[in-house]
Amino acid sequence: MLAALVLELEDVGGDLDDQSLQTQARQVLRHLTIGAGGDPVFDPPAAIAALYADPAGNEAFALLDEAGTFLLGSAGVRAPLSELLPDEDTRTSADADPHGLGDLGRPFRGHAAGRPVTGTGFRVQIDGRPLILQVGQGNDHPDVLADSLIEEFLENAAWWVIGSFTVLIGVTLWTIRSSLAPLRRLSARAARIGPTTSGVRLGRKAGGDGTGGGGMGGDDLPQEVRPLVAAIDGALDRLDGALEKQRAFIADAAHELRTPIAALRARMEATLPPDQAARLAPDFDRLSRLAGQLLRLAEVDTLGVAAEDRADLAAIARDVLAEMAPLAVQNHRSLALDGADRAITVRGKRELISRLLRNLVENALAHVPADGNVTVKVVPGSSLLSGSEDGPELIVDDDGPGVPPERRAQIFERFWRADRRRGDGAGLGLAIVQRIADAHGAGVSVEESPEGGARFRLRFPPVRDSGGYRGS
């Protein structure tokens, strides 16, 4: 931008110089005529004549024929102010120049009566005779002085000004960036606040006094935004309090429901005939399952995974499948385990990952047809030496109907069911899977299985211990 300004300044300076010489040429041309003998005559009023009567003055002119021969000049001028060059512009139309005269297109530095002048030439017609008019201005002329100052500035000072402006812009940008750095950190911290990190605060620890490391220190924040940050932290405290009350209510309700349901079922079995009791038993099973899932959901909503917690995915998979095998056999389904022959360590709690896998296997067994197959695969993470940071994976494949692509984003929502006419679930199993995965920093997704059904993939972050990535 600064370079463009310099170029514009050069252009403006040249334009102003051209306008000044054009004005001088018109002034002289107005008082030039061709005399009776065919010679040109300069007959100006006294005021203009005085400008050209002094050989040491600041304005001069010379009138030449088309061949460049001197015909007439101001006082002291006896020759052309500058020789005509063979490649000189030969424009003759006044329309060729924006100021109204057909100039020769090239300024010159010449001499008039022994003194240096700056000027240019114009092709003119005087009483029908084509001639060349050269006008010049001495170094003391105001327009020449201004032009000289511009040239000197461009030659000596312009690049220093550009450098100074460049440094100034750089310092300004650095200052702005440094001033906004706390706001960028604040924005990044706000982006991390979610259901699994509800204790995070912008300016302090949740429920703290501002001295802990849970947020940015007050001294790190601009004074202008501290009241806003404090107000946001207060709103987050109130939201956390409301969520905690909601979780406590769900947990209490689920816990309190389990005993009445069990007592009601016992009374039903004791008082009703066996055939009627058998017909009602599935309803009590669903009620018990719903109460249990609500209780587990309330528990996982308050869980936390410490940085030092470790669990063996292979051992978890072996134990869960051993536990689920009788259910699979009872329902004429097949369970298989692949890749659990060695320890694969992840950061996490064993009981929570076991619950997650149990829910996935139960979900798969519920959706495959009779004689269907469910396969659990444990995939180790990439080696540290390989340059990759892929963590271990837990995959559950089945050969059931699968999950349509348009429903894959919904199946992890709480209480969502593909077919609400089926009364064997409350739509909480996969929501619990999602919540446990979030707590472990793992990603859970559903895709099409190579066997034609659904594939649930749980990808854990890599675990870096002193010896590298574990389980690789």
Protein backbone atom coordinates (compact mmCIF):
# COMPACT_ATOMS: atom_id res chain seq x y z
CA MET A 1 0.00 0.00 0.00
CA LEU A 2 2.85 2.38 0.86
CA ALA A 3 4.58 1.58 -2.45
CA ALA A 4 1.34 2.41 -4.24
CA LEU A 5 1.24 5.75 -2.41
CA VAL A 6 4.79 6.52 -3.53
CA LEU A 7 3.93 5.70 -7.14
CA GLU A 8 0.82 7.84 -6.87
CA LEU A 9 2.93 10.70 -5.49
CA GLU A 10 5.28 10.40 -8.48
CA ASP A 11 2.34 10.44 -10.86
CA VAL A 12 0.75 13.45 -9.15
CA GLY A 13 4.06 15.32 -9.21
CA GLY A 14 4.50 14.69 -12.93
CA ASP A 15 0.90 15.65 -13.60
CA LEU A 16 1.23 18.94 -11.73
CA ASP A 17 4.46 19.74 -13.60
CA ASP A 18 2.76 18.97 -16.91
CA GLN A 19 -0.19 21.20 -16.07
CA SER A 20 2.12 24.10 -15.18
CA LEU A 21 4.02 23.84 -18.48
CA GLN A 22 0.76 23.51 -20.42
CA THR A 23 -0.55 26.68 -18.79
CA GLN A 24 2.65 28.52 -19.70
CA ALA A 25 2.46 27.26 -23.29
CA ARG A 26 -1.12 28.50 -23.68
CA GLN A 27 -0.12 31.87 -22.26
CA VAL A 28 2.65 32.29 -24.82
CA LEU A 29 0.61 30.83 -27.69
CA ARG A 30 -2.19 33.35 -27.14
CA HIS A 31 0.15 36.24 -28.07
CA LEU A 32 2.02 34.63 -30.98
CA THR A 33 1.07 35.58 -34.55
CA ILE A 34 2.62 35.36 -38.02
CA GLY A 35 3.73 38.79 -39.27
CA ALA A 36 3.38 40.24 -42.74
CA GLY A 37 6.77 38.93 -43.78
CA GLY A 38 5.96 35.41 -42.64
CA ASP A 39 8.00 35.63 -39.44
CA PRO A 40 6.41 34.87 -36.07
CA VAL A 41 5.77 37.80 -33.73
CA PHE A 42 5.35 37.70 -29.90
CA ASP A 43 3.19 40.66 -28.80
CA PRO A 44 2.04 40.18 -25.18
CA PRO A 45 0.65 42.73 -22.76
CA ALA A 46 3.13 44.43 -20.47
CA ALA A 47 2.58 42.13 -17.50
CA ILE A 48 3.34 38.99 -19.54
CA ALA A 49 6.12 40.66 -21.49
CA ALA A 50 7.87 41.40 -18.20
CA LEU A 51 8.03 37.66 -17.43
CA TYR A 52 9.98 36.94 -20.61
CA ALA A 53 11.99 40.19 -20.90
CA ASP A 54 14.57 39.27 -18.25
CA PRO A 55 17.19 36.76 -19.44
CA ALA A 56 17.70 35.72 -15.83
CA GLY A 57 13.98 35.22 -15.25
CA ASN A 58 12.30 31.97 -14.35
CA GLU A 59 10.26 31.59 -17.57
CA ALA A 60 11.49 31.14 -21.12
CA PHE A 61 10.26 29.93 -24.51
CA ALA A 62 11.56 29.08 -27.94
CA LEU A 63 9.57 28.77 -31.19
CA LEU A 64 10.90 26.32 -33.78
CA ASP A 65 9.84 25.17 -37.20
CA GLU A 66 9.03 21.51 -37.85
CA ALA A 67 12.68 20.80 -38.64
CA GLY A 68 13.76 22.16 -35.27
CA THR A 69 15.22 25.44 -36.56
CA PHE A 70 15.06 28.33 -34.08
CA LEU A 71 12.67 31.10 -35.11
CA LEU A 72 11.84 33.20 -32.03
CA GLY A 73 12.50 33.16 -28.29
CA SER A 74 12.24 35.05 -25.05
CA ALA A 75 14.97 37.45 -23.91
CA GLY A 76 18.40 35.87 -24.12
CA VAL A 77 17.17 32.74 -25.92
CA ARG A 78 18.90 32.32 -29.31
CA ALA A 79 18.59 28.58 -29.78
CA PRO A 80 16.21 25.73 -29.01
CA LEU A 81 15.86 25.06 -25.30
CA SER A 82 16.53 21.36 -26.09
CA GLU A 83 17.29 19.43 -29.25
CA LEU A 84 14.49 17.41 -30.80
CA LEU A 85 15.09 13.66 -30.69
CA PRO A 86 14.38 11.48 -33.75
CA ASP A 87 11.96 9.27 -31.79
CA GLU A 88 10.09 12.21 -30.26
CA ASP A 89 6.32 11.71 -30.00
CA THR A 90 4.72 13.19 -33.12
CA ARG A 91 1.19 13.71 -31.79
CA THR A 92 -0.46 16.79 -33.29
CA SER A 93 -4.04 16.49 -32.07
CA ALA A 94 -4.99 18.40 -28.96
CA ASP A 95 -7.13 15.40 -27.99
CA ALA A 96 -3.94 13.36 -27.51
CA ASP A 97 -3.25 15.11 -24.22
CA PRO A 98 -5.71 15.42 -21.28
CA HIS A 99 -4.73 19.08 -20.81
CA GLY A 100 -5.59 20.19 -24.33
CA LEU A 101 -2.22 20.51 -26.17
CA GLY A 102 -0.43 17.97 -28.32
CA ASP A 103 2.85 17.79 -26.41
CA LEU A 104 5.90 15.89 -27.58
CA GLY A 105 5.44 13.52 -24.66
CA ARG A 106 8.89 13.87 -23.14
CA PRO A 107 10.03 16.56 -20.65
CA PHE A 108 13.57 17.88 -20.93
CA ARG A 109 16.22 19.65 -18.93
CA GLY A 110 17.78 22.30 -21.15
CA HIS A 111 19.30 25.78 -21.06
CA ALA A 112 17.95 29.24 -21.71
CA ALA A 113 20.40 32.18 -21.83
CA GLY A 114 22.95 30.03 -20.04
CA ARG A 115 20.73 29.00 -17.13
CA PRO A 116 19.23 25.53 -16.61
CA VAL A 117 15.50 25.12 -17.25
CA THR A 118 12.99 22.29 -17.06
CA GLY A 119 10.40 22.19 -19.83
CA THR A 120 8.71 20.38 -22.68
CA GLY A 121 7.69 20.96 -26.28
CA PHE A 122 4.30 21.24 -27.96
CA ARG A 123 3.22 20.98 -31.58
CA VAL A 124 1.10 24.04 -32.27
CA GLN A 125 -0.43 25.86 -35.20
CA ILE A 126 -0.14 29.65 -35.52
CA ASP A 127 -2.32 31.16 -38.21
CA GLY A 128 -2.40 27.77 -39.92
CA ARG A 129 1.39 27.24 -39.82
CA PRO A 130 2.61 24.15 -37.93
CA LEU A 131 5.36 24.97 -35.47
CA ILE A 132 6.95 23.65 -32.30
CA LEU A 133 6.74 25.68 -29.07
CA GLN A 134 9.20 24.89 -26.29
CA VAL A 135 8.55 26.37 -22.84
CA GLY A 136 10.82 26.12 -19.83
CA GLN A 137 10.96 27.12 -16.19
CA GLY A 138 14.04 28.01 -14.18
CA ASN A 139 15.04 26.22 -11.01
CA ASP A 140 13.67 29.09 -8.90
CA HIS A 141 10.20 28.77 -10.37
CA PRO A 142 7.68 27.67 -7.65
CA ASP A 143 6.44 24.72 -9.70
CA VAL A 144 9.99 23.56 -10.38
CA LEU A 145 10.85 23.93 -6.71
CA ALA A 146 7.83 21.83 -5.76
CA ASP A 147 8.76 19.22 -8.35
CA SER A 148 12.35 19.18 -7.09
CA LEU A 149 11.19 18.70 -3.54
CA ILE A 150 9.01 15.76 -4.59
CA GLU A 151 11.87 14.20 -6.53
CA GLU A 152 14.27 14.65 -3.62
CA PHE A 153 11.74 13.13 -1.25
CA LEU A 154 11.22 10.14 -3.53
CA GLU A 155 14.96 9.63 -3.98
CA ASN A 156 16.12 10.11 -0.40
CA ALA A 157 13.26 9.83 2.09
CA ALA A 158 10.47 7.72 0.60
CA TRP A 159 12.01 4.34 1.40
CA TRP A 160 12.80 5.44 4.94
CA VAL A 161 9.17 6.43 5.31
CA ILE A 162 8.06 3.07 3.88
CA GLY A 163 10.39 1.25 6.27
CA SER A 164 9.16 3.30 9.21
CA PHE A 165 5.54 2.65 8.33
CA THR A 166 6.28 -1.05 7.90
CA VAL A 167 7.89 -1.22 11.33
CA LEU A 168 5.02 0.81 12.80
CA ILE A 169 2.44 -1.54 11.28
CA GLY A 170 4.39 -4.56 12.54
CA VAL A 171 4.60 -3.16 16.08
CA THR A 172 0.90 -2.26 15.98
CA LEU A 173 -0.08 -5.76 14.83
CA TRP A 174 2.16 -7.34 17.49
CA THR A 175 0.63 -5.09 20.16
CA ILE A 176 -2.90 -5.95 19.08
CA ARG A 177 -2.09 -9.66 18.94
CA SER A 178 -0.50 -9.57 22.39
CA SER A 179 -3.47 -7.67 23.79
CA LEU A 180 -5.91 -10.20 22.32
CA ALA A 181 -3.95 -13.27 23.49
CA PRO A 182 -5.84 -13.49 26.83
CA LEU A 183 -9.14 -13.28 24.94
CA ARG A 184 -8.07 -16.07 22.60
CA ARG A 185 -7.14 -18.25 25.60
CA LEU A 186 -10.48 -17.34 27.16
CA SER A 187 -12.29 -18.35 23.97
CA ALA A 188 -10.44 -21.68 23.82
CA ARG A 189 -11.30 -22.35 27.45
CA ALA A 190 -14.97 -21.55 26.83
CA ALA A 191 -15.00 -23.97 23.90
CA ARG A 192 -13.93 -26.78 26.28
CA ILE A 193 -16.92 -26.30 28.57
CA GLY A 194 -19.49 -29.02 28.05
CA PRO A 195 -21.50 -31.73 29.79
CA THR A 196 -18.35 -33.69 30.62
CA THR A 197 -16.36 -30.63 31.78
CA SER A 198 -18.99 -28.69 33.66
CA GLY A 199 -16.50 -27.83 36.40
CA VAL A 200 -14.39 -25.67 34.07
CA ARG A 201 -14.64 -21.93 34.59
CA LEU A 202 -13.28 -19.05 32.57
CA GLY A 203 -11.73 -17.02 35.36
CA ARG A 204 -11.55 -19.39 38.34
CA LYS A 205 -12.30 -22.86 39.60
CA ALA A 206 -15.91 -23.95 39.80
CA GLY A 207 -17.18 -22.71 43.12
CA GLY A 208 -13.70 -21.42 43.92
CA ASP A 209 -12.37 -18.07 45.00
CA GLY A 210 -10.34 -17.24 41.94
CA THR A 211 -7.03 -18.44 43.35
CA GLY A 212 -7.04 -21.94 41.89
CA GLY A 213 -5.75 -23.19 38.58
CA GLY A 214 -9.13 -24.11 37.18
CA GLY A 215 -9.40 -20.85 35.20
CA MET A 216 -7.40 -17.90 33.99
CA GLY A 217 -6.05 -15.67 36.72
CA GLY A 218 -7.64 -12.27 37.06
CA ASP A 219 -4.32 -10.58 36.26
CA ASP A 220 -4.25 -12.33 32.87
CA LEU A 221 -7.53 -10.76 31.76
CA PRO A 222 -8.01 -7.22 30.46
CA GLN A 223 -9.73 -5.05 33.04
CA GLU A 224 -12.60 -4.35 30.64
CA VAL A 225 -13.69 -8.01 30.33
CA ARG A 226 -13.31 -9.12 33.96
CA PRO A 227 -16.92 -8.21 34.92
CA LEU A 228 -18.19 -10.16 31.87
CA VAL A 229 -16.07 -13.21 32.77
CA ALA A 230 -17.26 -13.07 36.38
CA ALA A 231 -20.89 -12.89 35.24
CA ILE A 232 -20.43 -15.87 32.90
CA ASP A 233 -18.77 -17.90 35.67
CA GLY A 234 -21.66 -17.08 37.97
CA ALA A 235 -24.17 -18.23 35.35
CA LEU A 236 -22.21 -21.48 34.89
CA ASP A 237 -22.30 -22.03 38.67
CA ARG A 238 -26.07 -21.68 38.66
CA LEU A 239 -26.43 -24.02 35.68
CA ASP A 240 -24.20 -26.60 37.37
CA GLY A 241 -26.30 -26.37 40.50
CA ALA A 242 -29.50 -26.94 38.54
CA LEU A 243 -27.99 -29.89 36.65
CA GLU A 244 -26.73 -31.43 39.88
CA LYS A 245 -30.20 -31.22 41.39
CA GLN A 246 -31.65 -32.84 38.29
CA ARG A 247 -29.12 -35.68 38.42
CA ALA A 248 -29.78 -36.20 42.10
CA PHE A 249 -33.53 -36.33 41.49
CA ILE A 250 -33.14 -38.93 38.70
CA ALA A 251 -30.82 -41.04 40.85
CA ASP A 252 -33.13 -40.85 43.87
CA ALA A 253 -36.21 -41.60 41.80
CA ALA A 254 -34.56 -44.58 40.10
CA HIS A 255 -33.29 -45.92 43.41
CA GLU A 256 -36.63 -45.50 45.13
CA LEU A 257 -38.46 -47.20 42.26
CA ARG A 258 -36.44 -50.39 42.44
CA THR A 259 -37.78 -51.50 45.82
CA PRO A 260 -41.52 -50.93 45.07
CA ILE A 261 -41.11 -52.68 41.71
CA ALA A 262 -39.45 -55.69 43.34
CA ALA A 263 -42.13 -55.80 46.10
CA LEU A 264 -44.96 -55.48 43.58
CA ARG A 265 -43.51 -58.28 41.48
CA ALA A 266 -43.17 -60.56 44.51
CA ARG A 267 -46.80 -59.86 45.51
CA MET A 268 -47.98 -60.46 41.93
CA GLU A 269 -46.19 -63.82 41.76
CA ALA A 270 -47.60 -64.82 45.16
CA THR A 271 -51.23 -63.88 44.49
CA LEU A 272 -51.84 -64.48 40.78
CA PRO A 273 -52.09 -67.83 39.03
CA PRO A 274 -48.80 -68.87 37.40
CA ASP A 275 -50.08 -68.29 33.83
CA GLN A 276 -51.17 -64.70 34.59
CA ALA A 277 -47.97 -63.99 36.50
CA ALA A 278 -45.93 -65.22 33.51
CA ARG A 279 -47.77 -62.83 31.18
CA LEU A 280 -47.06 -59.87 33.49
CA ALA A 281 -43.44 -60.76 34.20
CA PRO A 282 -42.02 -59.07 31.02
CA ASP A 283 -43.63 -55.79 32.04
CA PHE A 284 -41.94 -55.94 35.42
CA ASP A 285 -38.67 -56.81 33.70
CA ARG A 286 -38.93 -53.69 31.55
CA LEU A 287 -39.73 -51.53 34.58
CA SER A 288 -36.76 -52.93 36.46
CA ARG A 289 -34.52 -52.40 33.44
CA LEU A 290 -35.69 -48.79 33.03
CA ALA A 291 -35.08 -48.03 36.72
CA GLY A 292 -31.63 -49.61 36.49
CA GLN A 293 -30.72 -47.65 33.37
CA LEU A 294 -31.88 -44.39 34.92
CA LEU A 295 -29.76 -45.10 37.97
CA ARG A 296 -26.71 -45.94 35.83
CA LEU A 297 -27.27 -42.83 33.72
CA ALA A 298 -27.31 -40.69 36.85
CA GLU A 299 -24.12 -42.38 38.00
CA VAL A 300 -22.21 -41.83 34.75
CA ASP A 301 -23.33 -38.19 34.67
CA THR A 302 -21.23 -37.62 37.78
CA LEU A 303 -18.31 -39.91 37.00
CA GLY A 304 -14.75 -38.76 36.54
CA VAL A 305 -11.69 -40.49 35.08
CA ALA A 306 -8.34 -39.62 36.64
CA ALA A 307 -5.23 -39.18 34.52
CA GLU A 308 -3.56 -42.16 36.21
CA ASP A 309 -6.51 -44.57 35.78
CA ARG A 310 -5.60 -47.54 33.57
CA ALA A 311 -7.64 -50.48 32.26
CA ASP A 312 -6.88 -53.54 30.11
CA LEU A 313 -9.24 -53.62 27.11
CA ALA A 314 -8.46 -57.27 26.33
CA ALA A 315 -9.24 -58.43 29.88
CA ILE A 316 -12.46 -56.39 29.93
CA ALA A 317 -13.58 -57.89 26.61
CA ARG A 318 -12.90 -61.45 27.83
CA ASP A 319 -14.83 -60.92 31.07
CA VAL A 320 -17.82 -59.20 29.44
CA LEU A 321 -18.19 -61.85 26.75
CA ALA A 322 -17.92 -64.63 29.32
CA GLU A 323 -20.71 -62.91 31.27
CA MET A 324 -22.89 -62.38 28.16
CA ALA A 325 -22.36 -65.82 26.61
CA PRO A 326 -25.25 -67.54 28.48
CA LEU A 327 -27.66 -64.82 27.31
CA ALA A 328 -26.45 -65.24 23.72
CA VAL A 329 -26.85 -69.03 23.85
CA GLN A 330 -30.29 -68.72 25.44
CA ASN A 331 -31.41 -66.49 22.53
CA HIS A 332 -29.70 -68.62 19.84
CA ARG A 333 -27.06 -66.02 19.03
CA SER A 334 -23.33 -66.46 18.53
CA LEU A 335 -20.66 -64.41 20.34
CA ALA A 336 -17.02 -64.20 19.15
CA LEU A 337 -13.92 -62.40 20.43
CA ASP A 338 -10.92 -61.38 18.35
CA GLY A 339 -7.61 -59.74 19.31
CA ALA A 340 -7.83 -60.21 23.10
CA ASP A 341 -4.78 -62.46 23.40
CA ARG A 342 -2.54 -59.77 24.93
CA ALA A 343 -2.93 -56.81 27.24
CA ILE A 344 -4.01 -53.52 25.63
CA THR A 345 -3.88 -50.64 28.08
CA VAL A 346 -6.04 -47.54 27.91
CA ARG A 347 -6.67 -44.65 30.27
CA GLY A 348 -9.96 -45.38 32.02
CA LYS A 349 -11.94 -47.13 34.71
CA ARG A 350 -12.46 -50.86 34.26
CA GLU A 351 -16.04 -50.96 35.60
CA LEU A 352 -17.18 -48.12 33.33
CA ILE A 353 -15.64 -49.58 30.17
CA SER A 354 -17.16 -52.94 31.09
CA ARG A 355 -20.57 -51.31 31.34
CA LEU A 356 -20.03 -49.60 27.99
CA LEU A 357 -19.10 -52.86 26.25
CA ARG A 358 -21.96 -54.73 27.96
CA ASN A 359 -24.43 -52.17 26.58
CA LEU A 360 -23.00 -52.48 23.07
CA VAL A 361 -23.15 -56.28 23.15
CA GLU A 362 -26.70 -56.25 24.56
CA ASN A 363 -27.72 -53.84 21.82
CA ALA A 364 -26.18 -56.05 19.13
CA LEU A 365 -27.77 -59.24 20.51
CA ALA A 366 -31.16 -57.52 20.58
CA HIS A 367 -30.99 -56.58 16.89
CA VAL A 368 -29.52 -59.65 15.20
CA PRO A 369 -31.90 -62.38 14.07
CA ALA A 370 -31.91 -65.90 15.46
CA ASP A 371 -28.64 -67.69 14.71
CA GLY A 372 -27.08 -64.26 14.16
CA ASN A 373 -23.48 -63.40 14.99
CA VAL A 374 -21.90 -60.71 17.17
CA THR A 375 -18.12 -60.21 17.08
CA VAL A 376 -16.06 -58.10 19.48
CA LYS A 377 -12.62 -57.02 18.26
CA VAL A 378 -9.87 -55.43 20.31
CA VAL A 379 -7.41 -53.49 18.12
CA PRO A 380 -4.10 -52.25 19.59
CA GLY A 381 -2.89 -48.73 18.96
CA SER A 382 -0.06 -47.81 16.62
CA SER A 383 3.53 -47.98 17.81
CA LEU A 384 5.27 -44.78 18.83
CA LEU A 385 8.07 -45.66 16.41
CA SER A 386 5.64 -45.74 13.48
CA GLY A 387 5.06 -41.99 13.73
CA SER A 388 1.30 -42.48 14.16
CA GLU A 389 -0.76 -41.66 17.23
CA ASP A 390 -3.75 -43.94 16.68
CA GLY A 391 -5.09 -45.23 19.98
CA PRO A 392 -6.57 -48.65 20.73
CA GLU A 393 -10.02 -49.50 19.40
CA LEU A 394 -12.92 -51.59 20.59
CA ILE A 395 -15.18 -52.77 17.75
CA VAL A 396 -18.54 -54.55 17.97
CA ASP A 397 -19.79 -56.06 14.67
CA ASP A 398 -23.09 -57.79 14.00
CA ASP A 399 -24.93 -59.19 10.99
CA GLY A 400 -28.27 -57.62 11.82
CA PRO A 401 -30.20 -55.02 9.80
CA GLY A 402 -27.67 -52.26 10.54
CA VAL A 403 -28.32 -48.57 11.17
CA PRO A 404 -29.45 -46.37 8.24
CA PRO A 405 -27.07 -43.43 7.62
CA GLU A 406 -29.81 -40.87 8.36
CA ARG A 407 -30.31 -42.29 11.86
CA ARG A 408 -26.67 -42.66 12.93
CA ALA A 409 -26.52 -39.18 14.43
CA GLN A 410 -29.60 -39.84 16.60
CA ILE A 411 -29.01 -43.25 18.12
CA PHE A 412 -26.82 -41.89 20.92
CA GLU A 413 -29.47 -39.43 22.10
CA ARG A 414 -31.23 -40.17 25.37
CA PHE A 415 -34.61 -41.93 25.09
CA TRP A 416 -34.31 -42.23 21.31
CA ARG A 417 -35.61 -45.48 19.81
CA ALA A 418 -35.91 -46.45 16.16
CA ASP A 419 -39.19 -48.31 16.79
CA ARG A 420 -41.16 -46.99 19.76
CA ARG A 421 -43.72 -49.73 19.35
CA ARG A 422 -41.18 -52.14 20.75
CA GLY A 423 -41.44 -51.95 24.49
CA ASP A 424 -38.20 -53.71 25.38
CA GLY A 425 -36.05 -50.65 25.88
CA ALA A 426 -36.08 -47.05 27.04
CA GLY A 427 -33.48 -45.70 24.60
CA LEU A 428 -30.84 -45.15 27.30
CA GLY A 429 -28.31 -47.89 26.57
CA LEU A 430 -26.42 -46.10 23.78
CA ALA A 431 -26.74 -42.75 25.59
CA ILE A 432 -24.84 -44.35 28.48
CA VAL A 433 -22.25 -45.61 25.96
CA GLN A 434 -21.79 -42.07 24.61
CA ARG A 435 -21.47 -40.57 28.09
CA ILE A 436 -18.86 -43.13 29.21
CA ALA A 437 -16.91 -42.64 25.97
CA ASP A 438 -16.91 -38.85 26.49
CA ALA A 439 -15.62 -39.27 30.03
CA HIS A 440 -12.68 -41.31 28.67
CA GLY A 441 -11.93 -38.89 25.84
CA ALA A 442 -12.85 -41.64 23.37
CA GLY A 443 -14.76 -41.30 20.13
CA VAL A 444 -17.71 -43.58 19.43
CA SER A 445 -19.22 -44.00 15.98
CA VAL A 446 -21.48 -46.34 14.05
CA GLU A 447 -20.92 -47.50 10.49
CA GLU A 448 -21.72 -50.41 8.23
CA SER A 449 -20.15 -53.71 9.25
CA PRO A 450 -18.31 -55.89 6.74
CA GLU A 451 -20.79 -58.58 7.82
CA GLY A 452 -23.66 -56.41 6.56
CA GLY A 453 -25.00 -55.20 9.91
CA ALA A 454 -23.85 -52.45 12.23
CA ARG A 455 -20.32 -51.73 13.41
CA PHE A 456 -19.85 -49.72 16.61
CA ARG A 457 -16.30 -48.40 16.86
CA LEU A 458 -14.87 -47.00 20.08
CA ARG A 459 -11.50 -45.27 19.57
CA PHE A 460 -9.50 -44.46 22.71
CA PRO A 461 -6.78 -41.83 22.84
CA PRO A 462 -3.24 -43.27 22.92
CA VAL A 463 -1.67 -43.78 26.33
CA ARG A 464 1.89 -42.47 26.61
CA ASP A 465 3.84 -44.00 29.46
CA SER A 466 7.55 -43.73 30.15
CA GLY A 467 8.24 -46.47 27.65
CA GLY A 468 6.01 -45.21 24.83
CA TYR A 469 2.49 -46.20 23.90
CA ARG A 470 1.14 -49.12 25.83
CA GLY A 471 -0.50 -52.02 24.11
CA SER A 472 1.13 -51.42 20.73
